Amino acid sequence: MAYTLNFYNSGKLKTLDGTLRWGEIANVAAVLLTDSYTPDKRSHATYVDIKANEVDPAVQTDYAPVAVTGRTVEAVEIADDEVEVRYDCAIIDYGSLVTLASRYVGIVAGDATSLADGDDLIGYIDFGETKSSTNNNYKISPAETGLFRVDTTV
């Protein structure tokens, strides 16, 4: 199944004003969050806001954050006077022989190997239910139209 991103308000603003340039940010990480996490688009803005809900990768190594790679931005004409800007990435891959379960994945503008409290949150993916893997693949595929998109009128 393919997934799309839900923006945090601050992540959306910083993406649209050019502060966070999806295709140019040095590092973006995908962080698995516990099922008890409650997304708050209004007040969650930096990694510290979700940190307490991250599954501790020191305890369960399969849960370590991973880099979001292959990030691209593309303008696609969807009608005569309308353009859609698509923000995409490669499949987010946690590995092929992992055992984990999660309902949410936070997308953070930061290095997956050393996230800092002040790293900006971009958004999160809500699977709608807990997705799990037992010694199997755990991959998150972006939607065909990108991980997220913005419609504009020309």
Protein backbone atom coordinates (compact mmCIF):
# COMPACT_ATOMS: atom_id res chain seq x y z
CA MET A 1 0.00 0.00 0.00
CA ALA A 2 1.22 3.51 -0.79
CA TYR A 3 1.14 6.33 1.76
CA THR A 4 1.07 10.11 1.83
CA LEU A 5 2.36 12.57 4.38
CA ASN A 6 0.27 14.58 6.83
CA PHE A 7 2.01 17.91 7.45
CA TYR A 8 2.68 19.44 10.81
CA ASN A 9 1.68 23.12 10.48
CA SER A 10 5.26 24.31 10.97
CA GLY A 11 6.57 21.76 8.44
CA LYS A 12 4.06 22.87 5.84
CA LEU A 13 4.89 26.54 6.34
CA LYS A 14 8.65 25.93 6.17
CA THR A 15 8.25 23.77 3.05
CA LEU A 16 6.12 26.35 1.26
CA ASP A 17 8.23 29.37 2.26
CA GLY A 18 11.42 27.60 1.15
CA THR A 19 13.03 27.24 4.59
CA LEU A 20 12.92 23.45 4.19
CA ARG A 21 13.72 22.58 0.59
CA TRP A 22 12.68 18.93 0.21
CA GLY A 23 15.10 18.10 -2.59
CA GLU A 24 17.99 20.05 -1.04
CA ILE A 25 17.86 19.36 2.72
CA ALA A 26 21.06 17.53 3.63
CA ASN A 27 19.28 14.88 5.70
CA VAL A 28 15.74 13.69 6.28
CA ALA A 29 14.89 10.83 8.65
CA ALA A 30 11.91 8.52 9.11
CA VAL A 31 11.26 7.77 12.79
CA LEU A 32 8.94 4.97 13.95
CA LEU A 33 6.60 6.08 16.72
CA THR A 34 4.72 4.08 19.33
CA ASP A 35 1.04 3.29 18.83
CA SER A 36 0.20 5.57 21.76
CA TYR A 37 1.49 8.63 19.86
CA THR A 38 -1.13 11.33 19.25
CA PRO A 39 -0.21 13.60 16.34
CA ASP A 40 -0.63 17.31 17.01
CA LYS A 41 -0.29 19.29 13.80
CA ARG A 42 -0.58 22.58 15.62
CA SER A 43 1.98 22.28 18.41
CA HIS A 44 4.49 19.63 17.28
CA ALA A 45 7.29 21.44 15.46
CA THR A 46 10.64 19.84 16.36
CA TYR A 47 12.00 16.37 17.06
CA VAL A 48 11.79 16.89 20.83
CA ASP A 49 7.97 17.02 20.44
CA ILE A 50 7.85 13.39 19.22
CA LYS A 51 11.00 12.03 20.87
CA ALA A 52 9.17 10.54 23.89
CA ASN A 53 7.01 8.52 21.49
CA GLU A 54 9.89 7.08 19.47
CA VAL A 55 10.47 3.38 19.98
CA ASP A 56 13.89 3.20 21.63
CA PRO A 57 16.29 1.91 18.95
CA ALA A 58 18.83 1.06 21.68
CA VAL A 59 16.37 -1.50 23.03
CA GLN A 60 14.99 -2.70 19.70
CA THR A 61 17.59 -2.12 16.98
CA ASP A 62 15.14 -2.76 14.13
CA TYR A 63 13.43 0.50 15.09
CA ALA A 64 16.40 2.76 14.38
CA PRO A 65 15.49 5.83 12.27
CA VAL A 66 16.35 5.52 8.58
CA ALA A 67 17.36 8.08 5.99
CA VAL A 68 14.72 9.25 3.51
CA THR A 69 16.59 9.16 0.21
CA GLY A 70 15.88 9.88 -3.44
CA ARG A 71 14.00 13.07 -2.60
CA THR A 72 12.72 14.96 -5.64
CA VAL A 73 10.43 17.88 -6.46
CA GLU A 74 8.55 17.93 -9.76
CA ALA A 75 5.88 20.19 -11.26
CA VAL A 76 3.20 18.20 -13.13
CA GLU A 77 0.46 19.82 -15.19
CA ILE A 78 -2.82 18.20 -14.14
CA ALA A 79 -5.17 20.49 -16.14
CA ASP A 80 -4.86 23.35 -18.63
CA ASP A 81 -4.45 25.95 -15.92
CA GLU A 82 -3.39 23.87 -12.96
CA VAL A 83 -0.02 22.56 -11.81
CA GLU A 84 0.62 20.11 -9.02
CA VAL A 85 4.01 20.17 -7.31
CA ARG A 86 4.94 16.65 -6.26
CA TYR A 87 7.42 15.92 -3.51
CA ASP A 88 8.61 12.34 -3.71
CA CYS A 89 11.21 9.99 -2.26
CA ALA A 90 12.50 6.46 -2.61
CA ILE A 91 10.81 3.65 -0.70
CA ILE A 92 11.54 4.08 3.01
CA ASP A 93 13.18 0.78 3.89
CA TYR A 94 13.67 -0.48 7.46
CA GLY A 95 15.15 -3.76 6.28
CA SER A 96 14.29 -7.23 5.07
CA LEU A 97 14.57 -9.33 8.23
CA VAL A 98 13.14 -6.99 10.86
CA THR A 99 10.64 -7.48 13.65
CA LEU A 100 8.70 -4.34 14.49
CA ALA A 101 5.26 -2.76 14.64
CA SER A 102 4.17 0.84 14.28
CA ARG A 103 1.17 2.97 13.35
CA TYR A 104 3.04 6.25 12.79
CA VAL A 105 6.24 7.38 11.12
CA GLY A 106 7.55 10.88 11.81
CA ILE A 107 9.45 12.64 9.02
CA VAL A 108 12.19 14.85 10.46
CA ALA A 109 14.66 17.23 8.78
CA GLY A 110 17.72 15.70 10.42
CA ASP A 111 20.35 12.99 10.27
CA ALA A 112 18.87 9.55 11.03
CA THR A 113 22.01 8.57 12.96
CA SER A 114 22.06 11.64 15.24
CA LEU A 115 18.72 13.42 15.52
CA ALA A 116 18.80 16.61 17.60
CA ASP A 117 15.96 17.99 19.71
CA GLY A 118 15.68 21.12 17.53
CA ASP A 119 15.46 19.28 14.17
CA ASP A 120 12.35 20.42 12.29
CA LEU A 121 9.38 18.11 11.91
CA ILE A 122 7.99 18.00 8.40
CA GLY A 123 5.08 15.62 8.85
CA TYR A 124 3.98 12.13 9.72
CA ILE A 125 2.49 9.08 8.06
CA ASP A 126 -0.52 7.45 9.72
CA PHE A 127 -1.08 3.88 8.57
CA GLY A 128 -4.58 3.96 10.08
CA GLU A 129 -3.73 0.85 12.07
CA THR A 130 -0.65 -0.86 13.45
CA LYS A 131 1.49 -2.42 10.74
CA SER A 132 3.90 -5.12 11.81
CA SER A 133 6.66 -7.32 10.51
CA THR A 134 8.20 -10.46 12.00
CA ASN A 135 11.53 -11.35 10.40
CA ASN A 136 10.27 -9.85 7.17
CA ASN A 137 10.37 -6.68 5.04
CA TYR A 138 9.18 -3.37 6.48
CA LYS A 139 8.98 -0.78 3.73
CA ILE A 140 6.92 2.35 3.26
CA SER A 141 6.06 3.17 -0.34
CA PRO A 142 5.11 6.74 -1.25
CA ALA A 143 1.91 7.22 -3.25
CA GLU A 144 2.22 7.20 -7.04
CA THR A 145 1.75 10.98 -7.01
CA GLY A 146 4.52 11.47 -4.43
CA LEU A 147 4.86 11.44 -0.67
CA PHE A 148 3.09 14.79 -0.60
CA ARG A 149 1.92 17.36 -3.13
CA VAL A 150 0.73 20.92 -3.41
CA ASP A 151 -1.84 22.05 -5.98
CA THR A 152 -1.50 25.48 -7.55
CA THR A 153 -3.40 27.44 -10.14
CA VAL A 154 -1.32 28.94 -12.93
